[in-house]
Amino acid sequence: MTGSFQELRVWQNGMQLSLEIYRVTKGFPKDELYGLTSQLRRAAISVPNNIAEGKGYKSNKDLLRFLYMARGSCLEVQSELIIAGQLEYLSKDAAQKLLDDAAVVGRELNAMIAVFERRVSAKAAGA
């Protein structure tokens, strides 16, 4: 795969999700600063960061490992958004919008993972 990680739509969408999470968590209660706020922010920025880091490696196998980590972080974001919504730190609409955005990133990651799983399998099979 050629090009910069910044050209990847999944990275761009992960960045947008991260930025929006930073914006909405500013309104979370101050006593959550080192709890849910921090955890949600770290999980969110982990998504595009893992995509970028994986893109920096030469092998498809290494990239695939980082894509799996990004997907795990994306699922963590979704879980934490559900918690934030249930605690009413976010409106139902805001929580749903972010969950929808995270689901898009998750689907993009799944598609990218599928492509690189095939490439890694083909290389292992000697194709």
Protein backbone atom coordinates (compact mmCIF):
# COMPACT_ATOMS: atom_id res chain seq x y z
CA MET A 1 0.00 0.00 0.00
CA THR A 2 1.45 3.30 -1.05
CA GLY A 3 0.69 6.80 0.09
CA SER A 4 0.44 8.49 3.44
CA PHE A 5 -1.72 7.34 6.33
CA GLN A 6 -3.36 10.76 6.08
CA GLU A 7 -4.84 9.74 2.73
CA LEU A 8 -6.72 6.81 4.25
CA ARG A 9 -10.43 7.50 4.69
CA VAL A 10 -10.51 5.31 7.81
CA TRP A 11 -7.77 7.44 9.39
CA GLN A 12 -9.58 10.65 8.43
CA ASN A 13 -12.84 9.38 9.93
CA GLY A 14 -11.02 8.18 13.04
CA MET A 15 -9.52 11.64 13.43
CA GLN A 16 -12.93 13.28 13.08
CA LEU A 17 -14.36 10.92 15.69
CA SER A 18 -11.47 11.69 18.06
CA LEU A 19 -11.87 15.44 17.66
CA GLU A 20 -15.61 15.26 18.27
CA ILE A 21 -15.09 13.12 21.36
CA TYR A 22 -12.63 15.69 22.70
CA ARG A 23 -15.24 18.39 22.10
CA VAL A 24 -18.12 16.60 23.81
CA THR A 25 -16.11 15.36 26.76
CA LYS A 26 -15.35 18.97 27.71
CA GLY A 27 -18.91 18.96 29.03
CA PHE A 28 -18.51 15.84 31.15
CA PRO A 29 -18.51 16.30 34.94
CA LYS A 30 -15.17 17.41 36.36
CA ASP A 31 -15.05 14.38 38.66
CA GLU A 32 -14.85 12.23 35.50
CA LEU A 33 -11.68 13.96 34.27
CA TYR A 34 -9.48 11.03 35.31
CA GLY A 35 -12.19 8.45 34.73
CA LEU A 36 -14.51 8.18 31.76
CA THR A 37 -13.34 11.43 30.12
CA SER A 38 -9.72 10.33 30.07
CA GLN A 39 -10.50 6.74 29.09
CA LEU A 40 -12.80 7.76 26.24
CA ARG A 41 -10.31 10.28 24.90
CA ARG A 42 -7.42 7.80 25.03
CA ALA A 43 -9.43 5.09 23.30
CA ALA A 44 -10.59 7.54 20.62
CA ILE A 45 -7.13 8.83 19.74
CA SER A 46 -5.80 5.29 19.77
CA VAL A 47 -7.87 4.51 16.66
CA PRO A 48 -6.18 6.89 14.17
CA ASN A 49 -2.84 6.60 15.98
CA ASN A 50 -2.73 2.83 15.53
CA ILE A 51 -3.71 3.18 11.87
CA ALA A 52 -0.91 5.70 11.37
CA GLU A 53 1.65 3.61 13.24
CA GLY A 54 0.73 0.45 11.37
CA LYS A 55 1.01 2.27 8.05
CA GLY A 56 4.59 3.12 8.99
CA TYR A 57 5.70 -0.52 8.96
CA LYS A 58 6.83 -2.24 5.80
CA SER A 59 5.00 -5.54 6.22
CA ASN A 60 1.32 -6.24 5.79
CA LYS A 61 1.47 -8.46 8.86
CA ASP A 62 2.61 -5.54 11.03
CA LEU A 63 -0.04 -3.25 9.57
CA LEU A 64 -2.68 -5.89 10.24
CA ARG A 65 -1.63 -6.12 13.90
CA PHE A 66 -2.13 -2.36 14.32
CA LEU A 67 -5.45 -2.45 12.48
CA TYR A 68 -6.64 -5.04 15.00
CA MET A 69 -5.58 -2.72 17.83
CA ALA A 70 -7.41 0.18 16.18
CA ARG A 71 -10.54 -1.97 15.89
CA GLY A 72 -10.30 -2.92 19.56
CA SER A 73 -10.01 0.74 20.51
CA CYS A 74 -12.98 1.57 18.30
CA LEU A 75 -15.08 -1.02 20.13
CA GLU A 76 -13.87 0.41 23.44
CA VAL A 77 -15.03 3.86 22.31
CA GLN A 78 -18.45 2.45 21.52
CA SER A 79 -18.74 0.83 24.93
CA GLU A 80 -17.69 4.01 26.70
CA LEU A 81 -20.14 6.09 24.65
CA ILE A 82 -22.94 3.79 25.77
CA ILE A 83 -21.86 4.32 29.38
CA ALA A 84 -21.69 8.10 28.87
CA GLY A 85 -25.15 8.05 27.36
CA GLN A 86 -26.62 5.96 30.16
CA LEU A 87 -25.07 8.30 32.72
CA GLU A 88 -26.66 11.16 30.75
CA TYR A 89 -23.34 12.90 30.17
CA LEU A 90 -24.44 13.06 26.54
CA SER A 91 -27.86 13.62 25.07
CA LYS A 92 -29.39 10.58 23.38
CA ASP A 93 -28.93 12.26 20.00
CA ALA A 94 -25.29 13.15 20.64
CA ALA A 95 -24.50 9.67 21.93
CA GLN A 96 -26.21 8.05 18.94
CA LYS A 97 -24.41 10.31 16.45
CA LEU A 98 -21.03 9.38 17.95
CA LEU A 99 -21.98 5.69 18.06
CA ASP A 100 -22.96 5.88 14.39
CA ASP A 101 -19.66 7.58 13.54
CA ALA A 102 -17.73 4.93 15.47
CA ALA A 103 -19.66 2.19 13.67
CA VAL A 104 -18.60 3.67 10.31
CA VAL A 105 -14.96 3.63 11.41
CA GLY A 106 -15.41 0.06 12.63
CA ARG A 107 -16.82 -1.07 9.29
CA GLU A 108 -13.97 0.64 7.45
CA LEU A 109 -11.45 -1.06 9.72
CA ASN A 110 -13.14 -4.43 9.17
CA ALA A 111 -12.93 -3.96 5.40
CA MET A 112 -9.28 -2.97 5.58
CA ILE A 113 -8.50 -5.88 7.90
CA ALA A 114 -10.16 -8.31 5.46
CA VAL A 115 -7.99 -7.03 2.61
CA PHE A 116 -4.76 -7.38 4.58
CA GLU A 117 -5.72 -10.76 6.04
CA ARG A 118 -6.03 -12.03 2.46
CA ARG A 119 -2.67 -10.53 1.54
CA VAL A 120 -0.95 -12.02 4.57
CA SER A 121 -2.57 -15.42 3.93
CA ALA A 122 -1.58 -15.34 0.26
CA LYS A 123 2.01 -14.53 1.15
CA ALA A 124 2.11 -17.31 3.74
CA ALA A 125 0.78 -19.74 1.14
CA GLY A 126 3.50 -18.65 -1.26
CA ALA A 127 1.18 -17.04 -3.78
